[in-house]
């Protein structure tokens, strides 16, 4: 099965968010900003992130009439990446 472009972008954004979160927590002593996951360990956060990225990716692959709606999850997931980079840079 071939992934469409919104799904590829969503997966890329989620993996970049996961990477910057892991680097910030592991190497710079930052904490998770999401209140739901704040007290969880890093391993549990990774599993949950991968799980819901998979679920949303499956939904994005479903055919429906409004193709522009497929870009919304990627756009919503984008802001945490520069925020994480800013937090890491502010600790340096």
Protein backbone atom coordinates (compact mmCIF):
# COMPACT_ATOMS: atom_id res chain seq x y z
CA UNK A 1 0.00 0.00 0.00
CA UNK A 2 1.32 3.40 -0.96
CA UNK A 3 1.07 6.26 1.53
CA UNK A 4 -0.36 9.56 0.35
CA UNK A 5 1.53 12.80 0.94
CA UNK A 6 -0.51 14.05 3.95
CA UNK A 7 0.10 10.72 5.71
CA UNK A 8 3.84 10.85 5.00
CA UNK A 9 4.04 14.41 6.31
CA UNK A 10 2.02 13.52 9.42
CA UNK A 11 4.30 10.58 10.21
CA UNK A 12 7.42 12.71 9.65
CA UNK A 13 6.12 15.47 11.93
CA UNK A 14 5.19 13.02 14.67
CA UNK A 15 8.60 11.35 14.55
CA UNK A 16 10.34 14.74 14.71
CA UNK A 17 8.17 15.65 17.69
CA UNK A 18 9.04 12.36 19.36
CA UNK A 19 12.75 12.86 18.65
CA UNK A 20 12.87 16.42 20.01
CA UNK A 21 10.84 15.39 23.06
CA UNK A 22 13.14 12.46 23.79
CA UNK A 23 16.28 14.59 23.39
CA UNK A 24 14.86 17.31 25.63
CA UNK A 25 13.84 14.88 28.37
CA UNK A 26 16.84 12.58 28.19
CA UNK A 27 19.71 15.00 27.73
CA UNK A 28 18.50 18.38 28.94
CA UNK A 29 16.29 17.53 31.92
CA UNK A 30 13.11 18.95 30.39
CA UNK A 31 9.67 17.53 31.18
CA UNK A 32 6.73 16.63 29.00
CA UNK A 33 4.45 19.62 28.48
CA UNK A 34 1.32 17.57 27.83
CA UNK A 35 -0.47 17.21 31.16
CA UNK A 36 -1.79 13.76 30.23
CA UNK A 37 1.71 12.34 29.76
CA UNK A 38 3.72 14.44 32.24
CA UNK A 39 4.20 11.76 34.89
CA UNK A 40 4.77 8.88 32.50
CA UNK A 41 8.10 7.34 31.71
CA UNK A 42 9.78 7.90 28.36
CA UNK A 43 9.13 4.34 27.18
CA UNK A 44 5.41 4.59 27.80
CA UNK A 45 5.25 7.94 26.00
CA UNK A 46 7.00 6.42 22.97
CA UNK A 47 4.55 3.54 22.80
CA UNK A 48 1.51 5.83 23.09
CA UNK A 49 2.93 8.22 20.45
CA UNK A 50 3.56 5.36 18.02
CA UNK A 51 0.11 3.90 18.69
CA UNK A 52 -1.85 7.04 17.95
CA UNK A 53 0.40 7.94 15.01
CA UNK A 54 -0.49 4.56 13.53
CA UNK A 55 -4.21 5.00 14.16
CA UNK A 56 -4.31 8.50 12.64
CA UNK A 57 -2.22 7.31 9.68
CA UNK A 58 -4.72 4.54 8.99
CA UNK A 59 -7.58 7.05 9.10
CA UNK A 60 -5.69 9.41 6.77
CA UNK A 61 -5.36 6.61 4.21
CA UNK A 62 -9.13 6.14 3.99
CA UNK A 63 -10.72 7.62 0.89
CA UNK A 64 -13.15 10.49 1.36
CA UNK A 65 -14.30 13.47 -0.66
CA UNK A 66 -12.60 16.34 1.14
CA UNK A 67 -8.92 15.76 0.42
CA UNK A 68 -7.87 19.07 2.02
CA UNK A 69 -9.00 17.73 5.42
CA UNK A 70 -6.16 15.22 5.33
CA UNK A 71 -3.63 18.04 5.88
CA UNK A 72 -5.16 19.16 9.20
CA UNK A 73 -3.51 16.51 11.47
CA UNK A 74 -0.06 17.42 10.09
CA UNK A 75 -0.67 21.13 10.63
CA UNK A 76 -1.91 20.55 14.18
CA UNK A 77 1.12 18.39 15.00
CA UNK A 78 3.66 20.90 13.67
CA UNK A 79 3.88 23.52 16.50
CA UNK A 80 5.46 21.25 19.15
CA UNK A 81 8.62 20.76 17.06
CA UNK A 82 9.85 24.38 17.03
CA UNK A 83 8.67 24.72 20.63
CA UNK A 84 10.79 21.73 21.68
CA UNK A 85 13.78 23.11 19.77
CA UNK A 86 13.29 26.49 21.47
CA UNK A 87 13.18 24.86 24.92
CA UNK A 88 16.31 22.83 24.21
CA UNK A 89 18.12 25.92 22.93
CA UNK A 90 17.07 27.93 25.98
CA UNK A 91 18.65 25.35 28.29
CA UNK A 92 22.00 25.49 26.46
